[in-house]
Every structure is written in structure tokens, then in C-alpha cells.
């Protein structure tokens, strides 16, 4: 997986952007909600309890447009979104609500000590007032600078970080996310 992070990470924002176009907003999908604090976002996504895997037994890693994600929240769906859907929703909700100055979709590849294969996970990494945080399903965790978020996220899973990357997320004028292709950075410890 380290090779894929090193040689092909530039494909990740392209792929996520492409899959998001297939689930993009339509007139039935509401704007992403505005929140006054991060706990409201964690409550809205039901602390990750409504997680569902990607299609085809997680073989097809796709990202849902945040407005479609919001429609599922509003409808009270019992299952919506996997980790990358949650990460992008967090990023857009934070930016739109003014709770973050900058935000990224962070990806980590980690391995548990007793396992031969690694596992991937996506989280939201963001900065507010000079501090760095990461969040996936619960309350954001404050971390140090640089790639501390990746080490902390792997550590929470009692695992060793093998690779990490991040793609900056910005807001378009219409409230849709824009994944910055040129700022996709990767880390190989």
C-alpha cells in the first residue's frame, strides 16, 4: 500500500471527485446544515452508528455528495455513509459553519500488530485558530502539527501507521466541496 500512496495518491482526489459527481445534489437534496459547535455535527451523524459499507462489499470506494448525505440525515435513514462520506461531510459542515479555517480529507493506512494485512480509513483533518484537529464519527481530537493527526488516528485503533495522505477541501460558491488536486500530500513513515 505504501507504493500506492507514493506513486498513485494523485488519483484519490480525481476518483473522489468523479464518484461525487454521480451522487451530486439535485433539487431534492438540501444544503448542508450550519452548526454552532462540533458536538452538533457528531449528533447529526449519530456518532457514526449509521455507518454503512461501500458497494460491492467495500470494493468500490465512492464518496457521496454532502448534500445527499444531508438528505439521508434529514430523512432519518438508519444507514448512511462510510468513513470517507463522513469525513467529507465533516469538512463541509465545519467550513460552512465557520468552525474551521481550513479542512482536509485525511486518509490513513494502518496495521494492527497481530494482523498481516492493513486497513484504510478516512477522517476529517482541520485547523481552527492555529490548532489542528481530526474527527471521524465523534468529537474532534486536538493534535500537534504536521502528521500528528495520522499517528493519533492510527494509535486510537491500536495500530501502526503505514501511510497517510490528505487532500484539501474548499467550498465552492454554491456550497459544494472542491477537492484540491494539487495539495494532495502524502506521508510514508
C-alpha atoms as a PDB file:
ATOM      1  CA  UNK A   1       0.000   0.000   0.000  1.00  0.00           C
ATOM      2  CA  UNK A   2       2.939   2.329   0.623  1.00  0.00           C
ATOM      3  CA  UNK A   3       3.730   2.093  -3.099  1.00  0.00           C
ATOM      4  CA  UNK A   4       0.170   3.132  -3.978  1.00  0.00           C
ATOM      5  CA  UNK A   5       0.387   6.114  -1.625  1.00  0.00           C
ATOM      6  CA  UNK A   6       3.758   7.076  -3.091  1.00  0.00           C
ATOM      7  CA  UNK A   7       3.001   6.626  -6.799  1.00  0.00           C
ATOM      8  CA  UNK A   8      -0.747   6.974  -7.200  1.00  0.00           C
ATOM      9  CA  UNK A   9      -2.099   9.198  -4.419  1.00  0.00           C
ATOM     10  CA  UNK A  10      -2.712  11.897  -7.012  1.00  0.00           C
ATOM     11  CA  UNK A  11      -5.585   9.727  -8.287  1.00  0.00           C
ATOM     12  CA  UNK A  12      -7.505   9.897  -4.998  1.00  0.00           C
ATOM     13  CA  UNK A  13      -8.951  13.439  -5.376  1.00  0.00           C
ATOM     14  CA  UNK A  14      -9.786  12.692  -9.018  1.00  0.00           C
ATOM     15  CA  UNK A  15     -11.595   9.456  -8.083  1.00  0.00           C
ATOM     16  CA  UNK A  16     -13.456  11.005  -5.161  1.00  0.00           C
ATOM     17  CA  UNK A  17     -14.485  13.965  -7.327  1.00  0.00           C
ATOM     18  CA  UNK A  18     -15.711  11.637 -10.070  1.00  0.00           C
ATOM     19  CA  UNK A  19     -17.768   9.474  -7.715  1.00  0.00           C
ATOM     20  CA  UNK A  20     -19.179  12.576  -6.021  1.00  0.00           C
ATOM     21  CA  UNK A  21     -20.497  13.788  -9.390  1.00  0.00           C
ATOM     22  CA  UNK A  22     -22.647  10.660  -9.605  1.00  0.00           C
ATOM     23  CA  UNK A  23     -24.283  11.498  -6.263  1.00  0.00           C
ATOM     24  CA  UNK A  24     -24.253  15.274  -6.709  1.00  0.00           C
ATOM     25  CA  UNK A  25     -27.024  17.448  -5.491  1.00  0.00           C
ATOM     26  CA  UNK A  26     -30.380  17.664  -7.095  1.00  0.00           C
ATOM     27  CA  UNK A  27     -33.332  19.827  -6.197  1.00  0.00           C
ATOM     28  CA  UNK A  28     -34.461  17.356  -3.561  1.00  0.00           C
ATOM     29  CA  UNK A  29     -31.180  17.432  -1.670  1.00  0.00           C
ATOM     30  CA  UNK A  30     -30.957  20.181   0.969  1.00  0.00           C
ATOM     31  CA  UNK A  31     -27.940  22.347   1.647  1.00  0.00           C
ATOM     32  CA  UNK A  32     -25.554  21.034   4.304  1.00  0.00           C
ATOM     33  CA  UNK A  33     -26.727  22.254   7.701  1.00  0.00           C
ATOM     34  CA  UNK A  34     -24.998  25.030   9.596  1.00  0.00           C
ATOM     35  CA  UNK A  35     -23.879  24.181  13.131  1.00  0.00           C
ATOM     36  CA  UNK A  36     -22.800  26.280  16.109  1.00  0.00           C
ATOM     37  CA  UNK A  37     -20.430  23.663  17.576  1.00  0.00           C
ATOM     38  CA  UNK A  38     -18.787  20.347  16.709  1.00  0.00           C
ATOM     39  CA  UNK A  39     -20.961  18.304  19.051  1.00  0.00           C
ATOM     40  CA  UNK A  40     -23.978  19.155  16.878  1.00  0.00           C
ATOM     41  CA  UNK A  41     -22.207  17.604  13.879  1.00  0.00           C
ATOM     42  CA  UNK A  42     -21.400  14.421  15.828  1.00  0.00           C
ATOM     43  CA  UNK A  43     -25.038  14.269  16.962  1.00  0.00           C
ATOM     44  CA  UNK A  44     -26.308  14.820  13.398  1.00  0.00           C
ATOM     45  CA  UNK A  45     -24.284  11.865  12.090  1.00  0.00           C
ATOM     46  CA  UNK A  46     -25.413   9.816  15.104  1.00  0.00           C
ATOM     47  CA  UNK A  47     -21.808   9.355  16.256  1.00  0.00           C
ATOM     48  CA  UNK A  48     -21.148   7.004  13.330  1.00  0.00           C
ATOM     49  CA  UNK A  49     -23.767   4.462  14.381  1.00  0.00           C
ATOM     50  CA  UNK A  50     -25.470   4.788  10.974  1.00  0.00           C
ATOM     51  CA  UNK A  51     -22.285   3.797   9.154  1.00  0.00           C
ATOM     52  CA  UNK A  52     -22.726   1.573   6.118  1.00  0.00           C
ATOM     53  CA  UNK A  53     -20.096   0.000   3.855  1.00  0.00           C
ATOM     54  CA  UNK A  54     -19.364   0.989   0.286  1.00  0.00           C
ATOM     55  CA  UNK A  55     -20.989  -1.004  -2.535  1.00  0.00           C
ATOM     56  CA  UNK A  56     -19.797  -4.429  -3.631  1.00  0.00           C
ATOM     57  CA  UNK A  57     -18.502  -5.465  -0.228  1.00  0.00           C
ATOM     58  CA  UNK A  58     -16.431  -2.273   0.036  1.00  0.00           C
ATOM     59  CA  UNK A  59     -14.567  -2.994  -3.215  1.00  0.00           C
ATOM     60  CA  UNK A  60     -15.844   0.206  -4.841  1.00  0.00           C
ATOM     61  CA  UNK A  61     -14.641   3.139  -2.744  1.00  0.00           C
ATOM     62  CA  UNK A  62     -17.002   6.007  -3.580  1.00  0.00           C
ATOM     63  CA  UNK A  63     -17.799   9.346  -1.933  1.00  0.00           C
ATOM     64  CA  UNK A  64     -21.342  10.616  -1.542  1.00  0.00           C
ATOM     65  CA  UNK A  65     -22.029  14.282  -2.220  1.00  0.00           C
ATOM     66  CA  UNK A  66     -22.505  16.040   1.158  1.00  0.00           C
ATOM     67  CA  UNK A  67     -25.948  17.319   0.118  1.00  0.00           C
ATOM     68  CA  UNK A  68     -27.113  13.739  -0.482  1.00  0.00           C
ATOM     69  CA  UNK A  69     -25.580  12.832   2.893  1.00  0.00           C
ATOM     70  CA  UNK A  70     -27.570  15.702   4.457  1.00  0.00           C
ATOM     71  CA  UNK A  71     -30.766  14.398   2.816  1.00  0.00           C
ATOM     72  CA  UNK A  72     -30.159  10.987   4.419  1.00  0.00           C
ATOM     73  CA  UNK A  73     -29.596  12.626   7.829  1.00  0.00           C
ATOM     74  CA  UNK A  74     -32.803  14.669   7.457  1.00  0.00           C
ATOM     75  CA  UNK A  75     -34.776  11.593   6.399  1.00  0.00           C
ATOM     76  CA  UNK A  76     -33.628   9.697   9.490  1.00  0.00           C
ATOM     77  CA  UNK A  77     -32.097   6.883   7.424  1.00  0.00           C
ATOM     78  CA  UNK A  78     -30.757   4.041   9.544  1.00  0.00           C
ATOM     79  CA  UNK A  79     -27.677   3.609   7.329  1.00  0.00           C
ATOM     80  CA  UNK A  80     -25.754   6.307   5.522  1.00  0.00           C
ATOM     81  CA  UNK A  81     -22.169   6.725   4.510  1.00  0.00           C
ATOM     82  CA  UNK A  82     -18.872   5.104   5.272  1.00  0.00           C
ATOM     83  CA  UNK A  83     -15.755   6.817   6.596  1.00  0.00           C
ATOM     84  CA  UNK A  84     -14.964   8.935   3.532  1.00  0.00           C
ATOM     85  CA  UNK A  85     -18.575  10.147   3.314  1.00  0.00           C
ATOM     86  CA  UNK A  86     -18.433  11.127   6.996  1.00  0.00           C
ATOM     87  CA  UNK A  87     -15.029  12.827   6.545  1.00  0.00           C
ATOM     88  CA  UNK A  88     -16.218  14.947   3.624  1.00  0.00           C
ATOM     89  CA  UNK A  89     -19.451  15.838   5.429  1.00  0.00           C
ATOM     90  CA  UNK A  90     -17.442  16.929   8.491  1.00  0.00           C
ATOM     91  CA  UNK A  91     -15.179  19.088   6.302  1.00  0.00           C
ATOM     92  CA  UNK A  92     -18.050  20.847   4.525  1.00  0.00           C
ATOM     93  CA  UNK A  93     -20.123  21.294   7.706  1.00  0.00           C
ATOM     94  CA  UNK A  94     -17.128  22.759   9.559  1.00  0.00           C
ATOM     95  CA  UNK A  95     -16.191  25.145   6.740  1.00  0.00           C
ATOM     96  CA  UNK A  96     -19.767  26.236   6.098  1.00  0.00           C
ATOM     97  CA  UNK A  97     -20.375  26.812   9.818  1.00  0.00           C
ATOM     98  CA  UNK A  98     -17.161  28.772  10.326  1.00  0.00           C
ATOM     99  CA  UNK A  99     -15.909  26.136  12.771  1.00  0.00           C
ATOM    100  CA  UNK A 100     -12.744  25.525  10.700  1.00  0.00           C
ATOM    101  CA  UNK A 101     -10.324  27.830   8.939  1.00  0.00           C
ATOM    102  CA  UNK A 102      -9.094  25.022   6.660  1.00  0.00           C
ATOM    103  CA  UNK A 103     -10.129  21.390   6.205  1.00  0.00           C
ATOM    104  CA  UNK A 104      -8.811  18.239   4.545  1.00  0.00           C
ATOM    105  CA  UNK A 105      -9.921  14.703   3.867  1.00  0.00           C
ATOM    106  CA  UNK A 106      -7.229  12.684   5.547  1.00  0.00           C
ATOM    107  CA  UNK A 107      -6.593   9.055   4.671  1.00  0.00           C
ATOM    108  CA  UNK A 108      -4.559   6.631   6.715  1.00  0.00           C
ATOM    109  CA  UNK A 109      -3.366   3.104   6.105  1.00  0.00           C
ATOM    110  CA  UNK A 110      -2.561   1.244   9.316  1.00  0.00           C
ATOM    111  CA  UNK A 111      -1.871  -2.273  10.525  1.00  0.00           C
ATOM    112  CA  UNK A 112      -2.701  -3.962  13.794  1.00  0.00           C
ATOM    113  CA  UNK A 113       0.261  -5.808  15.358  1.00  0.00           C
ATOM    114  CA  UNK A 114      -1.446  -9.208  15.125  1.00  0.00           C
ATOM    115  CA  UNK A 115      -2.653  -8.847  11.506  1.00  0.00           C
ATOM    116  CA  UNK A 116      -0.857  -9.429   8.207  1.00  0.00           C
ATOM    117  CA  UNK A 117      -2.977  -7.032   6.173  1.00  0.00           C
ATOM    118  CA  UNK A 118      -3.540  -3.355   6.761  1.00  0.00           C
ATOM    119  CA  UNK A 119      -6.745  -1.331   6.807  1.00  0.00           C
ATOM    120  CA  UNK A 120      -7.615   2.071   5.419  1.00  0.00           C
ATOM    121  CA  UNK A 121      -9.671   4.827   6.990  1.00  0.00           C
ATOM    122  CA  UNK A 122     -10.680   8.378   6.050  1.00  0.00           C
ATOM    123  CA  UNK A 123     -11.035  11.202   8.558  1.00  0.00           C
ATOM    124  CA  UNK A 124     -11.525  14.936   8.539  1.00  0.00           C
ATOM    125  CA  UNK A 125      -8.460  16.982   9.454  1.00  0.00           C
ATOM    126  CA  UNK A 126      -8.997  20.661  10.151  1.00  0.00           C
ATOM    127  CA  UNK A 127      -7.429  23.789  11.561  1.00  0.00           C
ATOM    128  CA  UNK A 128      -9.098  26.383  13.720  1.00  0.00           C
ATOM    129  CA  UNK A 129      -7.305  29.310  15.337  1.00  0.00           C
ATOM    130  CA  UNK A 130      -3.895  27.758  14.696  1.00  0.00           C
ATOM    131  CA  UNK A 131      -4.751  24.369  16.241  1.00  0.00           C
ATOM    132  CA  UNK A 132      -5.031  21.081  14.306  1.00  0.00           C
ATOM    133  CA  UNK A 133      -7.830  18.581  14.930  1.00  0.00           C
ATOM    134  CA  UNK A 134      -9.112  15.367  13.398  1.00  0.00           C
ATOM    135  CA  UNK A 135     -12.566  13.787  13.566  1.00  0.00           C
ATOM    136  CA  UNK A 136     -14.324  10.782  12.116  1.00  0.00           C
ATOM    137  CA  UNK A 137     -17.536   9.897  13.944  1.00  0.00           C
ATOM    138  CA  UNK A 138     -17.216  11.529  17.338  1.00  0.00           C
ATOM    139  CA  UNK A 139     -15.806  14.665  18.883  1.00  0.00           C
ATOM    140  CA  UNK A 140     -12.701  16.136  17.249  1.00  0.00           C
ATOM    141  CA  UNK A 141      -9.327  15.465  18.867  1.00  0.00           C
ATOM    142  CA  UNK A 142      -6.719  18.198  19.074  1.00  0.00           C
ATOM    143  CA  UNK A 143      -3.260  17.100  17.922  1.00  0.00           C
ATOM    144  CA  UNK A 144       0.139  18.580  17.230  1.00  0.00           C
ATOM    145  CA  UNK A 145       1.312  19.923  13.903  1.00  0.00           C
ATOM    146  CA  UNK A 146       2.359  18.049  10.782  1.00  0.00           C
ATOM    147  CA  UNK A 147       1.279  14.432  10.563  1.00  0.00           C
ATOM    148  CA  UNK A 148       0.436  14.041  14.266  1.00  0.00           C
ATOM    149  CA  UNK A 149      -3.222  13.557  13.284  1.00  0.00           C
ATOM    150  CA  UNK A 150      -2.320  10.427  11.277  1.00  0.00           C
ATOM    151  CA  UNK A 151      -0.282   8.893  14.095  1.00  0.00           C
ATOM    152  CA  UNK A 152      -3.017   9.702  16.619  1.00  0.00           C
ATOM    153  CA  UNK A 153      -5.785   8.234  14.429  1.00  0.00           C
ATOM    154  CA  UNK A 154      -3.799   5.009  13.982  1.00  0.00           C
ATOM    155  CA  UNK A 155      -2.942   4.955  17.697  1.00  0.00           C
ATOM    156  CA  UNK A 156      -6.614   5.218  18.657  1.00  0.00           C
ATOM    157  CA  UNK A 157      -7.070   1.995  16.659  1.00  0.00           C
ATOM    158  CA  UNK A 158      -4.094   0.416  18.490  1.00  0.00           C
ATOM    159  CA  UNK A 159      -2.298   0.145  15.168  1.00  0.00           C
ATOM    160  CA  UNK A 160       0.905   1.187  13.459  1.00  0.00           C
ATOM    161  CA  UNK A 161       0.650   3.897  10.829  1.00  0.00           C
ATOM    162  CA  UNK A 162       1.931   2.704   7.452  1.00  0.00           C
ATOM    163  CA  UNK A 163       0.949   5.632   5.195  1.00  0.00           C
ATOM    164  CA  UNK A 164      -1.185   8.765   5.235  1.00  0.00           C
ATOM    165  CA  UNK A 165      -2.356  11.410   2.831  1.00  0.00           C
ATOM    166  CA  UNK A 166      -4.532  14.482   2.840  1.00  0.00           C
ATOM    167  CA  UNK A 167      -6.483  16.436   0.271  1.00  0.00           C
ATOM    168  CA  UNK A 168      -7.604  19.974   0.990  1.00  0.00           C
ATOM    169  CA  UNK A 169     -11.345  20.593   0.815  1.00  0.00           C
ATOM    170  CA  UNK A 170     -12.674  24.041  -0.014  1.00  0.00           C
ATOM    171  CA  UNK A 171     -16.186  25.382  -0.523  1.00  0.00           C
ATOM    172  CA  UNK A 172     -17.446  26.454  -3.906  1.00  0.00           C
ATOM    173  CA  UNK A 173     -19.815  29.444  -4.008  1.00  0.00           C
ATOM    174  CA  UNK A 174     -22.801  27.095  -4.227  1.00  0.00           C
ATOM    175  CA  UNK A 175     -21.706  25.252  -1.057  1.00  0.00           C
ATOM    176  CA  UNK A 176     -20.392  22.167  -2.873  1.00  0.00           C
ATOM    177  CA  UNK A 177     -16.997  20.745  -1.996  1.00  0.00           C
ATOM    178  CA  UNK A 178     -13.945  21.213  -4.132  1.00  0.00           C
ATOM    179  CA  UNK A 179     -11.129  18.726  -3.652  1.00  0.00           C
ATOM    180  CA  UNK A 180      -7.833  20.474  -4.294  1.00  0.00           C
ATOM    181  CA  UNK A 181      -5.884  18.142  -6.542  1.00  0.00           C
ATOM    182  CA  UNK A 182      -2.531  19.918  -6.278  1.00  0.00           C
ATOM    183  CA  UNK A 183      -2.421  19.923  -2.488  1.00  0.00           C
ATOM    184  CA  UNK A 184      -2.762  16.161  -2.038  1.00  0.00           C
ATOM    185  CA  UNK A 185       0.128  15.389   0.267  1.00  0.00           C
ATOM    186  CA  UNK A 186       1.285  12.011   1.492  1.00  0.00           C
ATOM    187  CA  UNK A 187       3.360  10.713   4.350  1.00  0.00           C
ATOM    188  CA  UNK A 188       5.244   7.444   4.480  1.00  0.00           C
ATOM    189  CA  UNK A 189       6.757   6.884   7.942  1.00  0.00           C
END
